PDB file of N, CA and C in Angstrom:
ATOM      1  N   UNK A   1       0.880  -1.199   0.069  1.00  0.00           N
ATOM      2  CA  UNK A   1       0.037  -0.066   0.024  1.00  0.00           C
ATOM      3  C   UNK A   1       0.864   1.237   0.075  1.00  0.00           C
ATOM      4  N   UNK A   2       0.616   2.007  -0.961  1.00  0.00           N
ATOM      5  CA  UNK A   2       1.400   3.364  -1.100  1.00  0.00           C
ATOM      6  C   UNK A   2       0.932   4.383  -0.047  1.00  0.00           C
ATOM      7  N   UNK A   3       1.921   4.790   0.757  1.00  0.00           N
ATOM      8  CA  UNK A   3       1.675   5.730   1.914  1.00  0.00           C
ATOM      9  C   UNK A   3       2.713   6.852   1.801  1.00  0.00           C
ATOM     10  N   UNK A   4       2.271   8.052   2.070  1.00  0.00           N
ATOM     11  CA  UNK A   4       3.178   9.165   2.404  1.00  0.00           C
ATOM     12  C   UNK A   4       2.808   9.764   3.705  1.00  0.00           C
ATOM     13  N   UNK A   5       3.806  10.044   4.467  1.00  0.00           N
ATOM     14  CA  UNK A   5       3.409  10.691   5.906  1.00  0.00           C
ATOM     15  C   UNK A   5       4.440  11.931   6.077  1.00  0.00           C
ATOM     16  N   UNK A   6       3.827  13.109   6.155  1.00  0.00           N
ATOM     17  CA  UNK A   6       4.518  14.258   6.415  1.00  0.00           C
ATOM     18  C   UNK A   6       4.719  14.380   7.907  1.00  0.00           C
ATOM     19  N   UNK A   7       5.775  15.133   8.286  1.00  0.00           N
ATOM     20  CA  UNK A   7       6.106  15.447   9.537  1.00  0.00           C
ATOM     21  C   UNK A   7       7.043  16.712   9.573  1.00  0.00           C
ATOM     22  N   UNK A   8       7.196  17.288  10.869  1.00  0.00           N
ATOM     23  CA  UNK A   8       8.048  18.422  10.974  1.00  0.00           C
ATOM     24  C   UNK A   8       7.378  19.695  11.007  1.00  0.00           C
ATOM     25  N   UNK A   9       6.037  19.910  10.959  1.00  0.00           N
ATOM     26  CA  UNK A   9       5.394  21.048  11.031  1.00  0.00           C
ATOM     27  C   UNK A   9       5.376  21.638  12.388  1.00  0.00           C
ATOM     28  N   UNK A  10       4.958  22.912  12.626  1.00  0.00           N
ATOM     29  CA  UNK A  10       4.851  23.476  13.925  1.00  0.00           C
ATOM     30  C   UNK A  10       4.674  24.878  13.943  1.00  0.00           C
ATOM     31  N   UNK A  11       4.824  25.465  15.080  1.00  0.00           N
ATOM     32  CA  UNK A  11       4.733  26.960  15.217  1.00  0.00           C
ATOM     33  C   UNK A  11       6.115  27.539  15.230  1.00  0.00           C
ATOM     34  N   UNK A  12       6.347  28.627  14.352  1.00  0.00           N
ATOM     35  CA  UNK A  12       7.738  29.184  14.238  1.00  0.00           C
ATOM     36  C   UNK A  12       7.538  30.725  14.032  1.00  0.00           C
ATOM     37  N   UNK A  13       8.414  31.541  14.570  1.00  0.00           N
ATOM     38  CA  UNK A  13       8.349  32.964  14.448  1.00  0.00           C
ATOM     39  C   UNK A  13       8.705  33.373  12.963  1.00  0.00           C
ATOM     40  N   UNK A  14       8.323  34.458  12.650  1.00  0.00           N
ATOM     41  CA  UNK A  14       8.750  34.920  11.289  1.00  0.00           C
ATOM     42  C   UNK A  14      10.264  34.981  11.242  1.00  0.00           C
ATOM     43  N   UNK A  15      10.949  34.622  10.044  1.00  0.00           N
ATOM     44  CA  UNK A  15      12.388  34.493  10.081  1.00  0.00           C
ATOM     45  C   UNK A  15      13.038  33.259  10.483  1.00  0.00           C
ATOM     46  N   UNK A  16      12.164  32.449  10.944  1.00  0.00           N
ATOM     47  CA  UNK A  16      12.615  31.139  11.459  1.00  0.00           C
ATOM     48  C   UNK A  16      12.653  30.033  10.382  1.00  0.00           C
ATOM     49  N   UNK A  17      13.092  28.789  10.822  1.00  0.00           N
ATOM     50  CA  UNK A  17      13.192  27.693   9.865  1.00  0.00           C
ATOM     51  C   UNK A  17      12.443  26.522  10.337  1.00  0.00           C
ATOM     52  N   UNK A  18      12.085  25.645   9.425  1.00  0.00           N
ATOM     53  CA  UNK A  18      11.558  24.368   9.721  1.00  0.00           C
ATOM     54  C   UNK A  18      12.061  23.314   8.571  1.00  0.00           C
ATOM     55  N   UNK A  19      12.028  22.129   8.987  1.00  0.00           N
ATOM     56  CA  UNK A  19      12.395  21.045   7.838  1.00  0.00           C
ATOM     57  C   UNK A  19      11.274  20.120   7.971  1.00  0.00           C
ATOM     58  N   UNK A  20      10.548  20.083   6.880  1.00  0.00           N
ATOM     59  CA  UNK A  20       9.476  19.040   6.623  1.00  0.00           C
ATOM     60  C   UNK A  20      10.019  17.733   6.074  1.00  0.00           C
ATOM     61  N   UNK A  21       9.519  16.626   6.448  1.00  0.00           N
ATOM     62  CA  UNK A  21       9.860  15.413   5.910  1.00  0.00           C
ATOM     63  C   UNK A  21       8.512  14.682   5.351  1.00  0.00           C
ATOM     64  N   UNK A  22       8.921  13.925   4.297  1.00  0.00           N
ATOM     65  CA  UNK A  22       7.860  13.141   3.612  1.00  0.00           C
ATOM     66  C   UNK A  22       8.476  11.761   3.496  1.00  0.00           C
ATOM     67  N   UNK A  23       7.951  10.883   4.350  1.00  0.00           N
ATOM     68  CA  UNK A  23       8.457   9.481   4.383  1.00  0.00           C
ATOM     69  C   UNK A  23       7.435   8.539   3.538  1.00  0.00           C
ATOM     70  N   UNK A  24       8.105   7.780   2.718  1.00  0.00           N
ATOM     71  CA  UNK A  24       7.099   7.049   1.818  1.00  0.00           C
ATOM     72  C   UNK A  24       7.370   5.534   2.300  1.00  0.00           C
ATOM     73  N   UNK A  25       6.202   4.797   2.280  1.00  0.00           N
ATOM     74  CA  UNK A  25       6.160   3.327   2.377  1.00  0.00           C
ATOM     75  C   UNK A  25       5.381   2.678   1.343  1.00  0.00           C
ATOM     76  N   UNK A  26       5.709   1.440   1.097  1.00  0.00           N
ATOM     77  CA  UNK A  26       4.843   0.635   0.097  1.00  0.00           C
ATOM     78  C   UNK A  26       5.393   1.000  -1.503  1.00  0.00           C
ATOM     79  N   UNK A  27       6.327   1.843  -1.544  1.00  0.00           N
ATOM     80  CA  UNK A  27       7.027   2.073  -2.847  1.00  0.00           C
ATOM     81  C   UNK A  27       8.292   2.746  -2.670  1.00  0.00           C
ATOM     82  N   UNK A  28       9.139   2.537  -3.701  1.00  0.00           N
ATOM     83  CA  UNK A  28      10.495   3.047  -3.699  1.00  0.00           C
ATOM     84  C   UNK A  28      10.511   4.532  -4.175  1.00  0.00           C
ATOM     85  N   UNK A  29      10.596   5.401  -3.228  1.00  0.00           N
ATOM     86  CA  UNK A  29      10.405   6.871  -3.640  1.00  0.00           C
ATOM     87  C   UNK A  29      11.435   7.349  -4.655  1.00  0.00           C
ATOM     88  N   UNK A  30      12.627   6.807  -4.814  1.00  0.00           N
ATOM     89  CA  UNK A  30      13.581   7.441  -5.614  1.00  0.00           C
ATOM     90  C   UNK A  30      13.261   7.285  -7.111  1.00  0.00           C
ATOM     91  N   UNK A  31      12.145   6.514  -7.381  1.00  0.00           N
ATOM     92  CA  UNK A  31      11.798   6.376  -8.830  1.00  0.00           C
ATOM     93  C   UNK A  31      10.702   7.330  -9.240  1.00  0.00           C
ATOM     94  N   UNK A  32      10.271   8.180  -8.316  1.00  0.00           N
ATOM     95  CA  UNK A  32       9.100   9.030  -8.530  1.00  0.00           C
ATOM     96  C   UNK A  32       9.403  10.416  -8.172  1.00  0.00           C
ATOM     97  N   UNK A  33       8.800  11.354  -8.992  1.00  0.00           N
ATOM     98  CA  UNK A  33       8.818  12.818  -8.588  1.00  0.00           C
ATOM     99  C   UNK A  33       7.969  13.001  -7.440  1.00  0.00           C
ATOM    100  N   UNK A  34       8.398  13.748  -6.398  1.00  0.00           N
ATOM    101  CA  UNK A  34       7.671  14.082  -5.300  1.00  0.00           C
ATOM    102  C   UNK A  34       7.402  15.673  -5.254  1.00  0.00           C
ATOM    103  N   UNK A  35       6.176  16.018  -5.004  1.00  0.00           N
ATOM    104  CA  UNK A  35       5.883  17.367  -4.875  1.00  0.00           C
ATOM    105  C   UNK A  35       5.413  17.696  -3.386  1.00  0.00           C
ATOM    106  N   UNK A  36       5.744  19.013  -3.200  1.00  0.00           N
ATOM    107  CA  UNK A  36       5.098  19.560  -1.881  1.00  0.00           C
ATOM    108  C   UNK A  36       4.149  20.623  -2.280  1.00  0.00           C
ATOM    109  N   UNK A  37       2.998  20.571  -1.501  1.00  0.00           N
ATOM    110  CA  UNK A  37       1.941  21.390  -1.839  1.00  0.00           C
ATOM    111  C   UNK A  37       1.482  22.010  -0.494  1.00  0.00           C
ATOM    112  N   UNK A  38       0.700  23.148  -0.672  1.00  0.00           N
ATOM    113  CA  UNK A  38       0.226  23.713   0.725  1.00  0.00           C
ATOM    114  C   UNK A  38      -1.206  24.379   0.505  1.00  0.00           C
ATOM    115  N   UNK A  39      -1.826  24.412   1.578  1.00  0.00           N
ATOM    116  CA  UNK A  39      -3.217  24.923   1.538  1.00  0.00           C
ATOM    117  C   UNK A  39      -3.427  25.773   2.713  1.00  0.00           C
ATOM    118  N   UNK A  40      -3.453  27.099   2.568  1.00  0.00           N
ATOM    119  CA  UNK A  40      -3.817  28.124   3.607  1.00  0.00           C
ATOM    120  C   UNK A  40      -5.290  28.124   3.839  1.00  0.00           C
ATOM    121  N   UNK A  41      -5.611  28.668   5.049  1.00  0.00           N
ATOM    122  CA  UNK A  41      -7.126  28.695   5.455  1.00  0.00           C
ATOM    123  C   UNK A  41      -7.868  29.632   4.363  1.00  0.00           C
ATOM    124  N   UNK A  42      -8.793  28.995   3.817  1.00  0.00           N
ATOM    125  CA  UNK A  42      -9.720  29.903   2.926  1.00  0.00           C
ATOM    126  C   UNK A  42      -9.183  30.119   1.393  1.00  0.00           C
ATOM    127  N   UNK A  43      -7.962  29.434   1.207  1.00  0.00           N
ATOM    128  CA  UNK A  43      -7.345  29.580  -0.090  1.00  0.00           C
ATOM    129  C   UNK A  43      -7.248  28.049  -0.735  1.00  0.00           C
ATOM    130  N   UNK A  44      -7.124  28.222  -2.154  1.00  0.00           N
ATOM    131  CA  UNK A  44      -6.880  27.012  -2.905  1.00  0.00           C
ATOM    132  C   UNK A  44      -5.503  26.350  -2.727  1.00  0.00           C
ATOM    133  N   UNK A  45      -5.470  25.069  -2.696  1.00  0.00           N
ATOM    134  CA  UNK A  45      -4.231  24.337  -2.629  1.00  0.00           C
ATOM    135  C   UNK A  45      -3.269  24.883  -3.771  1.00  0.00           C
ATOM    136  N   UNK A  46      -1.974  25.078  -3.515  1.00  0.00           N
ATOM    137  CA  UNK A  46      -0.988  25.336  -4.513  1.00  0.00           C
ATOM    138  C   UNK A  46       0.263  24.597  -4.385  1.00  0.00           C
ATOM    139  N   UNK A  47       0.837  24.448  -5.522  1.00  0.00           N
ATOM    140  CA  UNK A  47       2.216  23.692  -5.604  1.00  0.00           C
ATOM    141  C   UNK A  47       3.336  24.635  -5.032  1.00  0.00           C
ATOM    142  N   UNK A  48       4.162  24.037  -4.333  1.00  0.00           N
ATOM    143  CA  UNK A  48       5.325  24.822  -3.667  1.00  0.00           C
ATOM    144  C   UNK A  48       6.614  24.414  -4.271  1.00  0.00           C
ATOM    145  N   UNK A  49       6.767  23.132  -4.331  1.00  0.00           N
ATOM    146  CA  UNK A  49       7.983  22.600  -4.887  1.00  0.00           C
ATOM    147  C   UNK A  49       7.891  21.136  -5.345  1.00  0.00           C
ATOM    148  N   UNK A  50       9.002  20.825  -6.137  1.00  0.00           N
ATOM    149  CA  UNK A  50       8.951  19.456  -6.619  1.00  0.00           C
ATOM    150  C   UNK A  50      10.319  18.964  -7.023  1.00  0.00           C
ATOM    151  N   UNK A  51      10.571  17.713  -6.741  1.00  0.00           N
ATOM    152  CA  UNK A  51      11.970  17.121  -7.234  1.00  0.00           C
ATOM    153  C   UNK A  51      11.654  16.020  -8.103  1.00  0.00           C
ATOM    154  N   UNK A  52      12.202  15.919  -9.319  1.00  0.00           N
ATOM    155  CA  UNK A  52      12.016  14.926 -10.131  1.00  0.00           C
ATOM    156  C   UNK A  52      12.948  13.820  -9.927  1.00  0.00           C
ATOM    157  N   UNK A  53      12.636  12.557 -10.462  1.00  0.00           N
ATOM    158  CA  UNK A  53      13.612  11.497 -10.124  1.00  0.00           C
ATOM    159  C   UNK A  53      14.261  11.103 -11.553  1.00  0.00           C
ATOM    160  N   UNK A  54      13.756  11.660 -12.605  1.00  0.00           N
ATOM    161  CA  UNK A  54      14.318  11.332 -14.067  1.00  0.00           C
ATOM    162  C   UNK A  54      15.612  12.046 -14.093  1.00  0.00           C
ATOM    163  N   UNK A  55      15.711  13.273 -13.695  1.00  0.00           N
ATOM    164  CA  UNK A  55      16.981  14.102 -13.944  1.00  0.00           C
ATOM    165  C   UNK A  55      17.321  14.870 -12.531  1.00  0.00           C
ATOM    166  N   UNK A  56      16.647  14.691 -11.496  1.00  0.00           N
ATOM    167  CA  UNK A  56      17.041  15.311 -10.239  1.00  0.00           C
ATOM    168  C   UNK A  56      16.760  16.806 -10.159  1.00  0.00           C
ATOM    169  N   UNK A  57      16.041  17.474 -11.147  1.00  0.00           N
ATOM    170  CA  UNK A  57      15.667  18.772 -11.137  1.00  0.00           C
ATOM    171  C   UNK A  57      14.780  19.165 -10.048  1.00  0.00           C
ATOM    172  N   UNK A  58      14.967  20.329  -9.643  1.00  0.00           N
ATOM    173  CA  UNK A  58      14.021  20.881  -8.553  1.00  0.00           C
ATOM    174  C   UNK A  58      13.274  22.108  -9.112  1.00  0.00           C
ATOM    175  N   UNK A  59      12.048  22.270  -8.515  1.00  0.00           N
ATOM    176  CA  UNK A  59      11.259  23.428  -9.086  1.00  0.00           C
ATOM    177  C   UNK A  59      10.630  24.068  -7.905  1.00  0.00           C
ATOM    178  N   UNK A  60      10.366  25.357  -7.964  1.00  0.00           N
ATOM    179  CA  UNK A  60       9.863  26.150  -6.765  1.00  0.00           C
ATOM    180  C   UNK A  60       8.884  27.196  -7.304  1.00  0.00           C
ATOM    181  N   UNK A  61       7.832  27.518  -6.593  1.00  0.00           N
ATOM    182  CA  UNK A  61       7.035  28.695  -6.911  1.00  0.00           C
ATOM    183  C   UNK A  61       7.875  29.910  -6.589  1.00  0.00           C
ATOM    184  N   UNK A  62       7.608  30.996  -7.217  1.00  0.00           N
ATOM    185  CA  UNK A  62       8.334  32.290  -7.086  1.00  0.00           C
ATOM    186  C   UNK A  62       8.407  32.689  -5.664  1.00  0.00           C
ATOM    187  N   UNK A  63       7.292  32.542  -4.923  1.00  0.00           N
ATOM    188  CA  UNK A  63       7.353  33.177  -3.573  1.00  0.00           C
ATOM    189  C   UNK A  63       8.207  32.437  -2.662  1.00  0.00           C
ATOM    190  N   UNK A  64       8.800  31.292  -2.964  1.00  0.00           N
ATOM    191  CA  UNK A  64       9.575  30.540  -1.966  1.00  0.00           C
ATOM    192  C   UNK A  64      11.142  30.311  -2.539  1.00  0.00           C
ATOM    193  N   UNK A  65      11.311  30.768  -3.775  1.00  0.00           N
ATOM    194  CA  UNK A  65      12.540  30.748  -4.260  1.00  0.00           C
ATOM    195  C   UNK A  65      13.587  31.343  -3.441  1.00  0.00           C
ATOM    196  N   UNK A  66      14.725  30.777  -3.231  1.00  0.00           N
ATOM    197  CA  UNK A  66      15.802  31.227  -2.289  1.00  0.00           C
ATOM    198  C   UNK A  66      15.604  31.099  -0.844  1.00  0.00           C
ATOM    199  N   UNK A  67      14.531  30.645  -0.472  1.00  0.00           N
ATOM    200  CA  UNK A  67      14.138  30.353   0.921  1.00  0.00           C
ATOM    201  C   UNK A  67      13.894  28.859   1.293  1.00  0.00           C
ATOM    202  N   UNK A  68      13.282  28.274   0.384  1.00  0.00           N
ATOM    203  CA  UNK A  68      13.008  26.822   0.584  1.00  0.00           C
ATOM    204  C   UNK A  68      13.811  25.890  -0.394  1.00  0.00           C
ATOM    205  N   UNK A  69      14.254  24.733   0.146  1.00  0.00           N
ATOM    206  CA  UNK A  69      15.067  23.851  -0.672  1.00  0.00           C
ATOM    207  C   UNK A  69      14.502  22.392  -0.480  1.00  0.00           C
ATOM    208  N   UNK A  70      14.172  21.823  -1.529  1.00  0.00           N
ATOM    209  CA  UNK A  70      13.684  20.352  -1.605  1.00  0.00           C
ATOM    210  C   UNK A  70      14.941  19.469  -1.856  1.00  0.00           C
ATOM    211  N   UNK A  71      14.827  18.343  -1.146  1.00  0.00           N
ATOM    212  CA  UNK A  71      15.935  17.327  -1.287  1.00  0.00           C
ATOM    213  C   UNK A  71      15.448  15.952  -1.073  1.00  0.00           C
ATOM    214  N   UNK A  72      16.083  14.820  -1.577  1.00  0.00           N
ATOM    215  CA  UNK A  72      15.673  13.592  -1.191  1.00  0.00           C
ATOM    216  C   UNK A  72      16.853  12.750  -0.612  1.00  0.00           C
ATOM    217  N   UNK A  73      16.489  11.935   0.265  1.00  0.00           N
ATOM    218  CA  UNK A  73      17.408  10.808   0.755  1.00  0.00           C
ATOM    219  C   UNK A  73      16.812   9.485   0.403  1.00  0.00           C
ATOM    220  N   UNK A  74      17.353   8.939  -0.622  1.00  0.00           N
ATOM    221  CA  UNK A  74      16.860   7.623  -1.080  1.00  0.00           C
ATOM    222  C   UNK A  74      17.043   6.493  -0.230  1.00  0.00           C
ATOM    223  N   UNK A  75      18.148   6.538   0.705  1.00  0.00           N
ATOM    224  CA  UNK A  75      18.397   5.556   1.532  1.00  0.00           C
ATOM    225  C   UNK A  75      17.343   5.482   2.611  1.00  0.00           C
ATOM    226  N   UNK A  76      16.763   6.726   2.945  1.00  0.00           N
ATOM    227  CA  UNK A  76      15.743   6.771   3.943  1.00  0.00           C
ATOM    228  C   UNK A  76      14.381   6.823   3.386  1.00  0.00           C
ATOM    229  N   UNK A  77      14.208   6.626   2.090  1.00  0.00           N
ATOM    230  CA  UNK A  77      12.926   6.760   1.428  1.00  0.00           C
ATOM    231  C   UNK A  77      12.229   7.932   1.744  1.00  0.00           C
ATOM    232  N   UNK A  78      12.910   9.141   1.808  1.00  0.00           N
ATOM    233  CA  UNK A  78      12.290  10.371   2.319  1.00  0.00           C
ATOM    234  C   UNK A  78      12.728  11.535   1.492  1.00  0.00           C
ATOM    235  N   UNK A  79      11.732  12.536   1.368  1.00  0.00           N
ATOM    236  CA  UNK A  79      11.951  13.782   0.689  1.00  0.00           C
ATOM    237  C   UNK A  79      11.809  14.765   1.827  1.00  0.00           C
ATOM    238  N   UNK A  80      12.663  15.850   1.737  1.00  0.00           N
ATOM    239  CA  UNK A  80      12.663  16.928   2.629  1.00  0.00           C
ATOM    240  C   UNK A  80      12.308  18.256   2.018  1.00  0.00           C
ATOM    241  N   UNK A  81      11.651  19.235   2.811  1.00  0.00           N
ATOM    242  CA  UNK A  81      11.605  20.596   2.334  1.00  0.00           C
ATOM    243  C   UNK A  81      12.072  21.459   3.552  1.00  0.00           C
ATOM    244  N   UNK A  82      13.296  21.982   3.292  1.00  0.00           N
ATOM    245  CA  UNK A  82      13.942  22.896   4.129  1.00  0.00           C
ATOM    246  C   UNK A  82      13.403  24.215   3.882  1.00  0.00           C
ATOM    247  N   UNK A  83      12.665  24.890   5.058  1.00  0.00           N
ATOM    248  CA  UNK A  83      12.057  26.188   4.850  1.00  0.00           C
ATOM    249  C   UNK A  83      12.831  27.180   5.793  1.00  0.00           C
ATOM    250  N   UNK A  84      13.371  28.172   5.180  1.00  0.00           N
ATOM    251  CA  UNK A  84      14.129  29.259   5.823  1.00  0.00           C
ATOM    252  C   UNK A  84      13.461  30.550   5.691  1.00  0.00           C
ATOM    253  N   UNK A  85      13.778  31.483   6.500  1.00  0.00           N
ATOM    254  CA  UNK A  85      13.194  32.857   6.431  1.00  0.00           C
ATOM    255  C   UNK A  85      11.740  32.876   6.199  1.00  0.00           C
ATOM    256  N   UNK A  86      11.003  32.099   7.039  1.00  0.00           N
ATOM    257  CA  UNK A  86       9.615  31.946   6.934  1.00  0.00           C
ATOM    258  C   UNK A  86       8.909  33.167   7.145  1.00  0.00           C
ATOM    259  N   UNK A  87       7.823  33.191   6.503  1.00  0.00           N
ATOM    260  CA  UNK A  87       6.874  34.527   6.578  1.00  0.00           C
ATOM    261  C   UNK A  87       5.521  34.003   7.085  1.00  0.00           C
ATOM    262  N   UNK A  88       4.761  34.960   7.735  1.00  0.00           N
ATOM    263  CA  UNK A  88       3.397  34.579   8.014  1.00  0.00           C
ATOM    264  C   UNK A  88       2.584  33.920   6.824  1.00  0.00           C
ATOM    265  N   UNK A  89       2.799  34.536   5.681  1.00  0.00           N
ATOM    266  CA  UNK A  89       1.995  34.001   4.461  1.00  0.00           C
ATOM    267  C   UNK A  89       2.426  32.525   4.146  1.00  0.00           C
ATOM    268  N   UNK A  90       3.461  31.945   4.744  1.00  0.00           N
ATOM    269  CA  UNK A  90       3.767  30.575   4.522  1.00  0.00           C
ATOM    270  C   UNK A  90       2.948  29.714   5.356  1.00  0.00           C
ATOM    271  N   UNK A  91       2.132  30.322   6.243  1.00  0.00           N
ATOM    272  CA  UNK A  91       1.203  29.437   7.132  1.00  0.00           C
ATOM    273  C   UNK A  91       0.305  28.679   6.249  1.00  0.00           C
ATOM    274  N   UNK A  92       0.190  27.418   6.592  1.00  0.00           N
ATOM    275  CA  UNK A  92      -0.552  26.484   5.731  1.00  0.00           C
ATOM    276  C   UNK A  92      -0.359  25.129   6.191  1.00  0.00           C
ATOM    277  N   UNK A  93      -1.356  24.257   5.631  1.00  0.00           N
ATOM    278  CA  UNK A  93      -1.016  22.750   5.812  1.00  0.00           C
ATOM    279  C   UNK A  93      -0.224  22.290   4.718  1.00  0.00           C
ATOM    280  N   UNK A  94       0.931  21.774   4.840  1.00  0.00           N
ATOM    281  CA  UNK A  94       1.715  21.256   3.852  1.00  0.00           C
ATOM    282  C   UNK A  94       1.685  19.829   3.489  1.00  0.00           C
ATOM    283  N   UNK A  95       1.438  19.394   2.379  1.00  0.00           N
ATOM    284  CA  UNK A  95       1.375  18.027   1.930  1.00  0.00           C
ATOM    285  C   UNK A  95       2.415  17.608   0.903  1.00  0.00           C
ATOM    286  N   UNK A  96       2.813  16.475   0.927  1.00  0.00           N
ATOM    287  CA  UNK A  96       3.555  15.863  -0.128  1.00  0.00           C
ATOM    288  C   UNK A  96       2.699  14.914  -0.908  1.00  0.00           C
ATOM    289  N   UNK A  97       2.890  14.703  -2.207  1.00  0.00           N
ATOM    290  CA  UNK A  97       2.252  13.940  -3.074  1.00  0.00           C
ATOM    291  C   UNK A  97       2.971  13.501  -4.234  1.00  0.00           C
ATOM    292  N   UNK A  98       2.467  12.413  -5.014  1.00  0.00           N
ATOM    293  CA  UNK A  98       3.095  11.996  -6.225  1.00  0.00           C
ATOM    294  C   UNK A  98       1.967  11.565  -7.155  1.00  0.00           C
ATOM    295  N   UNK A  99       2.348  11.686  -8.463  1.00  0.00           N
ATOM    296  CA  UNK A  99       1.402  11.122  -9.395  1.00  0.00           C
ATOM    297  C   UNK A  99       1.838   9.803 -10.125  1.00  0.00           C
ATOM    298  N   UNK A 100       2.910   9.233  -9.547  1.00  0.00           N
ATOM    299  CA  UNK A 100       3.500   8.087  -9.929  1.00  0.00           C
ATOM    300  C   UNK A 100       4.384   8.022 -11.200  1.00  0.00           C
ATOM    301  N   UNK A 101       4.795   9.211 -11.477  1.00  0.00           N
ATOM    302  CA  UNK A 101       5.715   9.527 -12.633  1.00  0.00           C
ATOM    303  C   UNK A 101       6.974   9.926 -12.324  1.00  0.00           C
ATOM    304  N   UNK A 102       7.966  10.008 -13.173  1.00  0.00           N
ATOM    305  CA  UNK A 102       9.322  10.553 -12.723  1.00  0.00           C
ATOM    306  C   UNK A 102       9.603  11.844 -12.902  1.00  0.00           C
ATOM    307  N   UNK A 103       8.659  12.651 -13.497  1.00  0.00           N
ATOM    308  CA  UNK A 103       8.802  14.048 -13.820  1.00  0.00           C
ATOM    309  C   UNK A 103       7.728  14.888 -13.006  1.00  0.00           C
ATOM    310  N   UNK A 104       8.111  16.106 -12.714  1.00  0.00           N
ATOM    311  CA  UNK A 104       7.219  17.145 -12.040  1.00  0.00           C
ATOM    312  C   UNK A 104       6.098  17.636 -12.886  1.00  0.00           C
ATOM    313  N   UNK A 105       5.054  17.870 -12.167  1.00  0.00           N
ATOM    314  CA  UNK A 105       3.808  18.451 -13.031  1.00  0.00           C
ATOM    315  C   UNK A 105       4.119  19.770 -13.521  1.00  0.00           C
ATOM    316  N   UNK A 106       3.591  20.199 -14.759  1.00  0.00           N
ATOM    317  CA  UNK A 106       3.730  21.385 -15.351  1.00  0.00           C
ATOM    318  C   UNK A 106       3.156  22.422 -14.366  1.00  0.00           C
ATOM    319  N   UNK A 107       4.125  23.476 -14.014  1.00  0.00           N
ATOM    320  CA  UNK A 107       3.616  24.611 -13.260  1.00  0.00           C
ATOM    321  C   UNK A 107       3.130  24.029 -11.839  1.00  0.00           C
ATOM    322  N   UNK A 108       3.684  22.943 -11.438  1.00  0.00           N
ATOM    323  CA  UNK A 108       3.391  22.499 -10.170  1.00  0.00           C
ATOM    324  C   UNK A 108       1.962  22.388  -9.853  1.00  0.00           C
ATOM    325  N   UNK A 109       1.182  21.897 -10.864  1.00  0.00           N
ATOM    326  CA  UNK A 109      -0.335  21.712 -10.803  1.00  0.00           C
ATOM    327  C   UNK A 109      -0.601  20.403  -9.977  1.00  0.00           C
ATOM    328  N   UNK A 110      -1.416  20.541  -9.066  1.00  0.00           N
ATOM    329  CA  UNK A 110      -1.644  19.472  -8.152  1.00  0.00           C
ATOM    330  C   UNK A 110      -2.783  18.379  -8.601  1.00  0.00           C
ATOM    331  N   UNK A 111      -3.462  18.894  -9.770  1.00  0.00           N
ATOM    332  CA  UNK A 111      -4.623  18.069 -10.272  1.00  0.00           C
ATOM    333  C   UNK A 111      -4.329  16.552 -10.454  1.00  0.00           C
ATOM    334  N   UNK A 112      -3.139  16.347 -10.950  1.00  0.00           N
ATOM    335  CA  UNK A 112      -2.769  14.906 -11.349  1.00  0.00           C
ATOM    336  C   UNK A 112      -2.196  14.036 -10.272  1.00  0.00           C
ATOM    337  N   UNK A 113      -1.981  14.697  -9.130  1.00  0.00           N
ATOM    338  CA  UNK A 113      -1.416  14.000  -7.968  1.00  0.00           C
ATOM    339  C   UNK A 113      -2.520  12.963  -7.442  1.00  0.00           C
ATOM    340  N   UNK A 114      -2.265  11.713  -7.252  1.00  0.00           N
ATOM    341  CA  UNK A 114      -3.134  10.767  -6.774  1.00  0.00           C
ATOM    342  C   UNK A 114      -2.812  10.032  -5.592  1.00  0.00           C
ATOM    343  N   UNK A 115      -1.612  10.295  -4.976  1.00  0.00           N
ATOM    344  CA  UNK A 115      -1.237   9.792  -3.675  1.00  0.00           C
ATOM    345  C   UNK A 115      -0.754  10.912  -2.781  1.00  0.00           C
ATOM    346  N   UNK A 116      -1.433  11.135  -1.712  1.00  0.00           N
ATOM    347  CA  UNK A 116      -1.284  12.227  -0.837  1.00  0.00           C
ATOM    348  C   UNK A 116      -1.043  11.724   0.531  1.00  0.00           C
ATOM    349  N   UNK A 117      -0.154  12.590   1.273  1.00  0.00           N
ATOM    350  CA  UNK A 117      -0.106  12.400   2.742  1.00  0.00           C
ATOM    351  C   UNK A 117      -1.244  13.106   3.371  1.00  0.00           C
ATOM    352  N   UNK A 118      -1.275  13.085   4.717  1.00  0.00           N
ATOM    353  CA  UNK A 118      -2.503  13.689   5.352  1.00  0.00           C
ATOM    354  C   UNK A 118      -2.077  15.215   5.749  1.00  0.00           C
ATOM    355  N   UNK A 119      -0.787  15.479   5.612  1.00  0.00           N
ATOM    356  CA  UNK A 119      -0.326  16.963   5.866  1.00  0.00           C
ATOM    357  C   UNK A 119       0.146  17.268   7.190  1.00  0.00           C
ATOM    358  N   UNK A 120       0.898  18.333   7.219  1.00  0.00           N
ATOM    359  CA  UNK A 120       1.482  18.844   8.454  1.00  0.00           C
ATOM    360  C   UNK A 120       1.327  20.237   8.530  1.00  0.00           C
ATOM    361  N   UNK A 121       0.839  20.806   9.689  1.00  0.00           N
ATOM    362  CA  UNK A 121       0.644  22.244   9.774  1.00  0.00           C
ATOM    363  C   UNK A 121       1.797  23.112  10.041  1.00  0.00           C
ATOM    364  N   UNK A 122       1.949  24.089   9.300  1.00  0.00           N
ATOM    365  CA  UNK A 122       3.092  25.092   9.555  1.00  0.00           C
ATOM    366  C   UNK A 122       2.293  26.361   9.869  1.00  0.00           C
ATOM    367  N   UNK A 123       2.714  26.949  11.065  1.00  0.00           N
ATOM    368  CA  UNK A 123       2.227  28.246  11.447  1.00  0.00           C
ATOM    369  C   UNK A 123       3.383  29.185  11.720  1.00  0.00           C
ATOM    370  N   UNK A 124       3.323  30.300  10.969  1.00  0.00           N
ATOM    371  CA  UNK A 124       4.306  31.211  11.170  1.00  0.00           C
ATOM    372  C   UNK A 124       3.789  32.601  11.820  1.00  0.00           C
ATOM    373  N   UNK A 125       4.023  32.764  13.084  1.00  0.00           N
ATOM    374  CA  UNK A 125       3.437  33.888  13.832  1.00  0.00           C
ATOM    375  C   UNK A 125       4.333  34.229  14.966  1.00  0.00           C
ATOM    376  N   UNK A 126       4.277  35.542  15.347  1.00  0.00           N
ATOM    377  CA  UNK A 126       4.980  36.065  16.535  1.00  0.00           C
ATOM    378  C   UNK A 126       4.082  35.950  17.597  1.00  0.00           C
TER     379      UNK A 126
END
């Protein structure tokens, strides 16, 4: 059974850092692109970042470029999202997901994702 489990969320002050983890079970994560998505209260879910497996390329939405870094540890079957210089507008539930392919979705569109974790809440507030 394919399962993704996010962890690492919490309450952090503006300017702080968090590292989210996405642990996979039931499949070998290194063969698939993994995306991070987020949904803030009252807003639509949006793609944040993605790492492909075919060429190792990484993708970010403009608002997190230079602050967030996605990486994978194939030995641990885990993908990470290092989030630095956090802002209140980063507050959201963060999900990892895959569509079972090796490439990232065009423009980080979440529509094709069919395996999702349950999410981890990130709150950026003073």
